[in-house]
PDB file of N, CA and C in Angstrom:
ATOM      1  N   MET A   1      20.177   1.328   8.000  1.00  0.00           N
ATOM      2  CA  MET A   1      19.061   0.766   7.259  1.00  0.00           C
ATOM      3  C   MET A   1      19.555  -0.256   6.243  1.00  0.00           C
ATOM      4  N   SER A   2      18.681  -1.181   5.914  1.00  0.00           N
ATOM      5  CA  SER A   2      19.038  -2.198   4.932  1.00  0.00           C
ATOM      6  C   SER A   2      18.971  -1.624   3.518  1.00  0.00           C
ATOM      7  N   GLU A   3      19.482  -2.389   2.569  1.00  0.00           N
ATOM      8  CA  GLU A   3      19.426  -1.915   1.192  1.00  0.00           C
ATOM      9  C   GLU A   3      18.005  -1.996   0.662  1.00  0.00           C
ATOM     10  N   ASN A   4      17.739  -1.226  -0.372  1.00  0.00           N
ATOM     11  CA  ASN A   4      16.394  -1.161  -0.935  1.00  0.00           C
ATOM     12  C   ASN A   4      16.010  -2.438  -1.664  1.00  0.00           C
ATOM     13  N   ARG A   5      14.699  -2.687  -1.657  1.00  0.00           N
ATOM     14  CA  ARG A   5      14.118  -3.789  -2.411  1.00  0.00           C
ATOM     15  C   ARG A   5      12.924  -3.249  -3.185  1.00  0.00           C
ATOM     16  N   ILE A   6      12.614  -3.903  -4.281  1.00  0.00           N
ATOM     17  CA  ILE A   6      11.406  -3.569  -5.034  1.00  0.00           C
ATOM     18  C   ILE A   6      10.263  -4.361  -4.404  1.00  0.00           C
ATOM     19  N   ALA A   7       9.137  -3.700  -4.187  1.00  0.00           N
ATOM     20  CA  ALA A   7       7.995  -4.363  -3.566  1.00  0.00           C
ATOM     21  C   ALA A   7       6.694  -3.861  -4.166  1.00  0.00           C
ATOM     22  N   VAL A   8       5.679  -4.706  -4.078  1.00  0.00           N
ATOM     23  CA  VAL A   8       4.314  -4.329  -4.446  1.00  0.00           C
ATOM     24  C   VAL A   8       3.447  -4.542  -3.216  1.00  0.00           C
ATOM     25  N   ILE A   9       2.774  -3.490  -2.792  1.00  0.00           N
ATOM     26  CA  ILE A   9       1.786  -3.621  -1.723  1.00  0.00           C
ATOM     27  C   ILE A   9       0.422  -3.656  -2.394  1.00  0.00           C
ATOM     28  N   ASN A  10      -0.309  -4.731  -2.145  1.00  0.00           N
ATOM     29  CA  ASN A  10      -1.650  -4.891  -2.691  1.00  0.00           C
ATOM     30  C   ASN A  10      -2.646  -4.597  -1.582  1.00  0.00           C
ATOM     31  N   VAL A  11      -3.582  -3.713  -1.869  1.00  0.00           N
ATOM     32  CA  VAL A  11      -4.523  -3.241  -0.851  1.00  0.00           C
ATOM     33  C   VAL A  11      -5.949  -3.445  -1.360  1.00  0.00           C
ATOM     34  N   ILE A  12      -6.799  -3.999  -0.500  1.00  0.00           N
ATOM     35  CA  ILE A  12      -8.229  -4.085  -0.799  1.00  0.00           C
ATOM     36  C   ILE A  12      -8.951  -3.243   0.239  1.00  0.00           C
ATOM     37  N   VAL A  13      -9.704  -2.262  -0.250  1.00  0.00           N
ATOM     38  CA  VAL A  13     -10.413  -1.321   0.617  1.00  0.00           C
ATOM     39  C   VAL A  13     -11.901  -1.646   0.561  1.00  0.00           C
ATOM     40  N   GLU A  14     -12.440  -2.068   1.692  1.00  0.00           N
ATOM     41  CA  GLU A  14     -13.866  -2.385   1.770  1.00  0.00           C
ATOM     42  C   GLU A  14     -14.672  -1.237   2.369  1.00  0.00           C
ATOM     43  N   ARG A  15     -13.961  -0.245   2.928  1.00  0.00           N
ATOM     44  CA  ARG A  15     -14.631   0.922   3.520  1.00  0.00           C
ATOM     45  C   ARG A  15     -14.046   2.178   2.900  1.00  0.00           C
ATOM     46  N   ARG A  16     -14.788   2.783   1.984  1.00  0.00           N
ATOM     47  CA  ARG A  16     -14.290   3.957   1.259  1.00  0.00           C
ATOM     48  C   ARG A  16     -13.963   5.131   2.173  1.00  0.00           C
ATOM     49  N   GLU A  17     -14.577   5.170   3.337  1.00  0.00           N
ATOM     50  CA  GLU A  17     -14.297   6.278   4.249  1.00  0.00           C
ATOM     51  C   GLU A  17     -12.841   6.273   4.738  1.00  0.00           C
ATOM     52  N   ASN A  18     -12.108   5.195   4.502  1.00  0.00           N
ATOM     53  CA  ASN A  18     -10.687   5.134   4.857  1.00  0.00           C
ATOM     54  C   ASN A  18      -9.773   5.670   3.758  1.00  0.00           C
ATOM     55  N   SER A  19     -10.338   6.078   2.641  1.00  0.00           N
ATOM     56  CA  SER A  19      -9.528   6.534   1.502  1.00  0.00           C
ATOM     57  C   SER A  19      -8.604   7.689   1.851  1.00  0.00           C
ATOM     58  N   ALA A  20      -9.084   8.646   2.618  1.00  0.00           N
ATOM     59  CA  ALA A  20      -8.252   9.800   2.979  1.00  0.00           C
ATOM     60  C   ALA A  20      -7.049   9.366   3.805  1.00  0.00           C
ATOM     61  N   GLU A  21      -7.257   8.445   4.754  1.00  0.00           N
ATOM     62  CA  GLU A  21      -6.147   7.956   5.578  1.00  0.00           C
ATOM     63  C   GLU A  21      -5.127   7.182   4.744  1.00  0.00           C
ATOM     64  N   ILE A  22      -5.615   6.386   3.818  1.00  0.00           N
ATOM     65  CA  ILE A  22      -4.715   5.622   2.944  1.00  0.00           C
ATOM     66  C   ILE A  22      -3.898   6.579   2.082  1.00  0.00           C
ATOM     67  N   ASN A  23      -4.549   7.557   1.497  1.00  0.00           N
ATOM     68  CA  ASN A  23      -3.835   8.528   0.661  1.00  0.00           C
ATOM     69  C   ASN A  23      -2.820   9.328   1.475  1.00  0.00           C
ATOM     70  N   GLU A  24      -3.144   9.636   2.719  1.00  0.00           N
ATOM     71  CA  GLU A  24      -2.201  10.349   3.594  1.00  0.00           C
ATOM     72  C   GLU A  24      -0.956   9.490   3.853  1.00  0.00           C
ATOM     73  N   LEU A  25      -1.162   8.194   4.080  1.00  0.00           N
ATOM     74  CA  LEU A  25      -0.023   7.294   4.282  1.00  0.00           C
ATOM     75  C   LEU A  25       0.835   7.225   3.021  1.00  0.00           C
ATOM     76  N   PHE A  26       0.189   7.106   1.864  1.00  0.00           N
ATOM     77  CA  PHE A  26       0.952   7.074   0.610  1.00  0.00           C
ATOM     78  C   PHE A  26       1.747   8.363   0.439  1.00  0.00           C
ATOM     79  N   SER A  27       1.159   9.478   0.829  1.00  0.00           N
ATOM     80  CA  SER A  27       1.852  10.755   0.725  1.00  0.00           C
ATOM     81  C   SER A  27       3.078  10.796   1.645  1.00  0.00           C
ATOM     82  N   CYS A  28       2.928  10.293   2.862  1.00  0.00           N
ATOM     83  CA  CYS A  28       4.040  10.285   3.818  1.00  0.00           C
ATOM     84  C   CYS A  28       5.208   9.422   3.341  1.00  0.00           C
ATOM     85  N   PHE A  29       4.913   8.362   2.588  1.00  0.00           N
ATOM     86  CA  PHE A  29       5.941   7.454   2.096  1.00  0.00           C
ATOM     87  C   PHE A  29       6.229   7.689   0.612  1.00  0.00           C
ATOM     88  N   GLY A  30       5.806   8.836   0.108  1.00  0.00           N
ATOM     89  CA  GLY A  30       5.882   9.149  -1.319  1.00  0.00           C
ATOM     90  C   GLY A  30       7.272   9.091  -1.917  1.00  0.00           C
ATOM     91  N   ASP A  31       8.302   9.350  -1.119  1.00  0.00           N
ATOM     92  CA  ASP A  31       9.673   9.307  -1.645  1.00  0.00           C
ATOM     93  C   ASP A  31      10.068   7.911  -2.113  1.00  0.00           C
ATOM     94  N   TYR A  32       9.386   6.897  -1.616  1.00  0.00           N
ATOM     95  CA  TYR A  32       9.719   5.514  -1.949  1.00  0.00           C
ATOM     96  C   TYR A  32       8.810   4.919  -3.019  1.00  0.00           C
ATOM     97  N   ILE A  33       7.707   5.598  -3.330  1.00  0.00           N
ATOM     98  CA  ILE A  33       6.711   5.042  -4.251  1.00  0.00           C
ATOM     99  C   ILE A  33       7.112   5.321  -5.690  1.00  0.00           C
ATOM    100  N   ILE A  34       7.192   4.247  -6.473  1.00  0.00           N
ATOM    101  CA  ILE A  34       7.513   4.340  -7.899  1.00  0.00           C
ATOM    102  C   ILE A  34       6.235   4.631  -8.688  1.00  0.00           C
ATOM    103  N   GLY A  35       5.146   3.975  -8.300  1.00  0.00           N
ATOM    104  CA  GLY A  35       3.869   4.166  -8.990  1.00  0.00           C
ATOM    105  C   GLY A  35       2.754   3.470  -8.250  1.00  0.00           C
ATOM    106  N   ARG A  36       1.537   3.812  -8.638  1.00  0.00           N
ATOM    107  CA  ARG A  36       0.381   3.171  -8.015  1.00  0.00           C
ATOM    108  C   ARG A  36      -0.769   3.099  -8.996  1.00  0.00           C
ATOM    109  N   MET A  37      -1.620   2.114  -8.786  1.00  0.00           N
ATOM    110  CA  MET A  37      -2.799   1.942  -9.619  1.00  0.00           C
ATOM    111  C   MET A  37      -3.968   1.630  -8.693  1.00  0.00           C
ATOM    112  N   GLY A  38      -5.062   2.329  -8.880  1.00  0.00           N
ATOM    113  CA  GLY A  38      -6.256   2.080  -8.097  1.00  0.00           C
ATOM    114  C   GLY A  38      -7.420   1.733  -9.006  1.00  0.00           C
ATOM    115  N   ILE A  39      -8.146   0.696  -8.619  1.00  0.00           N
ATOM    116  CA  ILE A  39      -9.289   0.244  -9.418  1.00  0.00           C
ATOM    117  C   ILE A  39     -10.522   0.159  -8.527  1.00  0.00           C
ATOM    118  N   PRO A  40     -11.519   1.003  -8.781  1.00  0.00           N
ATOM    119  CA  PRO A  40     -12.770   0.861  -8.037  1.00  0.00           C
ATOM    120  C   PRO A  40     -13.592  -0.274  -8.637  1.00  0.00           C
ATOM    121  N   TYR A  41     -13.964  -1.222  -7.816  1.00  0.00           N
ATOM    122  CA  TYR A  41     -14.786  -2.348  -8.276  1.00  0.00           C
ATOM    123  C   TYR A  41     -16.178  -2.124  -7.692  1.00  0.00           C
ATOM    124  N   ARG A  42     -16.917  -1.246  -8.348  1.00  0.00           N
ATOM    125  CA  ARG A  42     -18.203  -0.780  -7.827  1.00  0.00           C
ATOM    126  C   ARG A  42     -19.210  -1.899  -7.620  1.00  0.00           C
ATOM    127  N   GLU A  43     -19.211  -2.880  -8.498  1.00  0.00           N
ATOM    128  CA  GLU A  43     -20.179  -3.982  -8.383  1.00  0.00           C
ATOM    129  C   GLU A  43     -20.018  -4.735  -7.066  1.00  0.00           C
ATOM    130  N   LYS A  44     -18.798  -4.780  -6.545  1.00  0.00           N
ATOM    131  CA  LYS A  44     -18.533  -5.482  -5.290  1.00  0.00           C
ATOM    132  C   LYS A  44     -18.383  -4.520  -4.112  1.00  0.00           C
ATOM    133  N   GLY A  45     -18.370  -3.215  -4.380  1.00  0.00           N
ATOM    134  CA  GLY A  45     -18.257  -2.224  -3.329  1.00  0.00           C
ATOM    135  C   GLY A  45     -16.883  -2.147  -2.685  1.00  0.00           C
ATOM    136  N   VAL A  46     -15.840  -2.480  -3.452  1.00  0.00           N
ATOM    137  CA  VAL A  46     -14.474  -2.415  -2.940  1.00  0.00           C
ATOM    138  C   VAL A  46     -13.587  -1.661  -3.922  1.00  0.00           C
ATOM    139  N   SER A  47     -12.420  -1.282  -3.461  1.00  0.00           N
ATOM    140  CA  SER A  47     -11.394  -0.716  -4.329  1.00  0.00           C
ATOM    141  C   SER A  47     -10.135  -1.556  -4.155  1.00  0.00           C
ATOM    142  N   VAL A  48      -9.397  -1.716  -5.239  1.00  0.00           N
ATOM    143  CA  VAL A  48      -8.141  -2.462  -5.209  1.00  0.00           C
ATOM    144  C   VAL A  48      -7.037  -1.491  -5.592  1.00  0.00           C
ATOM    145  N   ILE A  49      -5.994  -1.440  -4.769  1.00  0.00           N
ATOM    146  CA  ILE A  49      -4.871  -0.537  -5.007  1.00  0.00           C
ATOM    147  C   ILE A  49      -3.584  -1.360  -5.023  1.00  0.00           C
ATOM    148  N   CYS A  50      -2.742  -1.109  -6.017  1.00  0.00           N
ATOM    149  CA  CYS A  50      -1.418  -1.719  -6.089  1.00  0.00           C
ATOM    150  C   CYS A  50      -0.398  -0.590  -6.073  1.00  0.00           C
ATOM    151  N   VAL A  51       0.546  -0.673  -5.142  1.00  0.00           N
ATOM    152  CA  VAL A  51       1.570   0.354  -5.002  1.00  0.00           C
ATOM    153  C   VAL A  51       2.935  -0.303  -5.156  1.00  0.00           C
ATOM    154  N   VAL A  52       3.765   0.246  -6.034  1.00  0.00           N
ATOM    155  CA  VAL A  52       5.114  -0.272  -6.253  1.00  0.00           C
ATOM    156  C   VAL A  52       6.103   0.652  -5.560  1.00  0.00           C
ATOM    157  N   LEU A  53       7.000   0.054  -4.764  1.00  0.00           N
ATOM    158  CA  LEU A  53       7.980   0.833  -4.012  1.00  0.00           C
ATOM    159  C   LEU A  53       9.395   0.344  -4.279  1.00  0.00           C
ATOM    160  N   ASP A  54      10.334   1.235  -4.059  1.00  0.00           N
ATOM    161  CA  ASP A  54      11.759   0.917  -4.023  1.00  0.00           C
ATOM    162  C   ASP A  54      12.230   1.478  -2.691  1.00  0.00           C
ATOM    163  N   ALA A  55      12.331   0.598  -1.676  1.00  0.00           N
ATOM    164  CA  ALA A  55      12.553   1.076  -0.312  1.00  0.00           C
ATOM    165  C   ALA A  55      13.227   0.011   0.537  1.00  0.00           C
ATOM    166  N   PRO A  56      13.788   0.406   1.680  1.00  0.00           N
ATOM    167  CA  PRO A  56      14.306  -0.578   2.626  1.00  0.00           C
ATOM    168  C   PRO A  56      13.164  -1.450   3.163  1.00  0.00           C
ATOM    169  N   THR A  57      13.478  -2.665   3.517  1.00  0.00           N
ATOM    170  CA  THR A  57      12.475  -3.603   4.025  1.00  0.00           C
ATOM    171  C   THR A  57      11.690  -3.023   5.197  1.00  0.00           C
ATOM    172  N   GLU A  58      12.362  -2.309   6.075  1.00  0.00           N
ATOM    173  CA  GLU A  58      11.691  -1.741   7.246  1.00  0.00           C
ATOM    174  C   GLU A  58      10.610  -0.744   6.843  1.00  0.00           C
ATOM    175  N   ILE A  59      10.884   0.047   5.829  1.00  0.00           N
ATOM    176  CA  ILE A  59       9.905   1.037   5.338  1.00  0.00           C
ATOM    177  C   ILE A  59       8.712   0.321   4.716  1.00  0.00           C
ATOM    178  N   ILE A  60       8.991  -0.678   3.897  1.00  0.00           N
ATOM    179  CA  ILE A  60       7.921  -1.442   3.237  1.00  0.00           C
ATOM    180  C   ILE A  60       7.012  -2.080   4.290  1.00  0.00           C
ATOM    181  N   ASN A  61       7.616  -2.719   5.288  1.00  0.00           N
ATOM    182  CA  ASN A  61       6.832  -3.371   6.334  1.00  0.00           C
ATOM    183  C   ASN A  61       6.052  -2.372   7.176  1.00  0.00           C
ATOM    184  N   THR A  62       6.639  -1.219   7.438  1.00  0.00           N
ATOM    185  CA  THR A  62       5.951  -0.191   8.210  1.00  0.00           C
ATOM    186  C   THR A  62       4.714   0.308   7.467  1.00  0.00           C
ATOM    187  N   LEU A  63       4.867   0.618   6.198  1.00  0.00           N
ATOM    188  CA  LEU A  63       3.721   1.103   5.418  1.00  0.00           C
ATOM    189  C   LEU A  63       2.643   0.033   5.325  1.00  0.00           C
ATOM    190  N   THR A  64       3.031  -1.205   5.039  1.00  0.00           N
ATOM    191  CA  THR A  64       2.047  -2.294   4.962  1.00  0.00           C
ATOM    192  C   THR A  64       1.306  -2.449   6.279  1.00  0.00           C
ATOM    193  N   GLY A  65       2.030  -2.398   7.387  1.00  0.00           N
ATOM    194  CA  GLY A  65       1.407  -2.544   8.703  1.00  0.00           C
ATOM    195  C   GLY A  65       0.435  -1.431   9.021  1.00  0.00           C
ATOM    196  N   LYS A  66       0.815  -0.194   8.714  1.00  0.00           N
ATOM    197  CA  LYS A  66      -0.061   0.947   8.982  1.00  0.00           C
ATOM    198  C   LYS A  66      -1.343   0.863   8.147  1.00  0.00           C
ATOM    199  N   ILE A  67      -1.209   0.454   6.886  1.00  0.00           N
ATOM    200  CA  ILE A  67      -2.394   0.307   6.037  1.00  0.00           C
ATOM    201  C   ILE A  67      -3.274  -0.821   6.564  1.00  0.00           C
ATOM    202  N   GLY A  68      -2.657  -1.942   6.904  1.00  0.00           N
ATOM    203  CA  GLY A  68      -3.407  -3.114   7.376  1.00  0.00           C
ATOM    204  C   GLY A  68      -4.119  -2.895   8.699  1.00  0.00           C
ATOM    205  N   MET A  69      -3.701  -1.906   9.483  1.00  0.00           N
ATOM    206  CA  MET A  69      -4.360  -1.626  10.764  1.00  0.00           C
ATOM    207  C   MET A  69      -5.666  -0.854  10.596  1.00  0.00           C
ATOM    208  N   LEU A  70      -5.898  -0.317   9.414  1.00  0.00           N
ATOM    209  CA  LEU A  70      -7.141   0.426   9.178  1.00  0.00           C
ATOM    210  C   LEU A  70      -8.305  -0.546   9.073  1.00  0.00           C
ATOM    211  N   LYS A  71      -9.402  -0.195   9.698  1.00  0.00           N
ATOM    212  CA  LYS A  71     -10.591  -1.054   9.677  1.00  0.00           C
ATOM    213  C   LYS A  71     -11.161  -1.151   8.265  1.00  0.00           C
ATOM    214  N   GLY A  72     -11.456  -2.361   7.831  1.00  0.00           N
ATOM    215  CA  GLY A  72     -12.024  -2.569   6.503  1.00  0.00           C
ATOM    216  C   GLY A  72     -11.008  -2.504   5.386  1.00  0.00           C
ATOM    217  N   VAL A  73      -9.724  -2.625   5.734  1.00  0.00           N
ATOM    218  CA  VAL A  73      -8.651  -2.562   4.738  1.00  0.00           C
ATOM    219  C   VAL A  73      -7.728  -3.763   4.931  1.00  0.00           C
ATOM    220  N   SER A  74      -7.384  -4.437   3.842  1.00  0.00           N
ATOM    221  CA  SER A  74      -6.434  -5.551   3.875  1.00  0.00           C
ATOM    222  C   SER A  74      -5.237  -5.181   3.018  1.00  0.00           C
ATOM    223  N   ALA A  75      -4.043  -5.563   3.484  1.00  0.00           N
ATOM    224  CA  ALA A  75      -2.824  -5.257   2.729  1.00  0.00           C
ATOM    225  C   ALA A  75      -1.868  -6.441   2.801  1.00  0.00           C
ATOM    226  N   LYS A  76      -1.286  -6.775   1.673  1.00  0.00           N
ATOM    227  CA  LYS A  76      -0.268  -7.823   1.572  1.00  0.00           C
ATOM    228  C   LYS A  76       0.846  -7.318   0.687  1.00  0.00           C
ATOM    229  N   THR A  77       2.054  -7.792   0.958  1.00  0.00           N
ATOM    230  CA  THR A  77       3.222  -7.318   0.222  1.00  0.00           C
ATOM    231  C   THR A  77       3.969  -8.455  -0.425  1.00  0.00           C
ATOM    232  N   LEU A  78       4.473  -8.189  -1.612  1.00  0.00           N
ATOM    233  CA  LEU A  78       5.357  -9.092  -2.332  1.00  0.00           C
ATOM    234  C   LEU A  78       6.647  -8.335  -2.586  1.00  0.00           C
ATOM    235  N   MET A  79       7.789  -8.899  -2.145  1.00  0.00           N
ATOM    236  CA  MET A  79       9.076  -8.225  -2.306  1.00  0.00           C
ATOM    237  C   MET A  79      10.005  -9.022  -3.208  1.00  0.00           C
ATOM    238  N   SER A  80      10.824  -8.286  -3.954  1.00  0.00           N
ATOM    239  CA  SER A  80      11.833  -8.934  -4.781  1.00  0.00           C
ATOM    240  C   SER A  80      12.955  -9.422  -3.885  1.00  0.00           C
ATOM    241  N   LYS A  81      13.764 -10.312  -4.415  1.00  0.00           N
ATOM    242  CA  LYS A  81      14.914 -10.796  -3.655  1.00  0.00           C
ATOM    243  C   LYS A  81      16.112  -9.900  -3.892  1.00  0.00           C
ATOM    244  N   LYS A  82      16.008  -8.949  -4.824  1.00  0.00           N
ATOM    245  CA  LYS A  82      17.108  -8.031  -5.144  1.00  0.00           C
ATOM    246  C   LYS A  82      17.040  -6.778  -4.315  1.00  0.00           C
TER     247      LYS A  82
END
């Protein structure tokens, strides 16, 4: 595996019924998660989640991909160069 990088996965959830699946994914990758913040934006009917990880690139990409495959969910990642 490659060396760890610091990353932020930004998630926008447009379908609240996917919350359980998202939380299950976060739980499965919990060893790599440094912290997370979730903000319900009720006026727009969405939730915004930011997750900070310290993990190998492959793990970060896998988690982002699994989240992004959920219907009504968008995910993008920003990684450090360190």
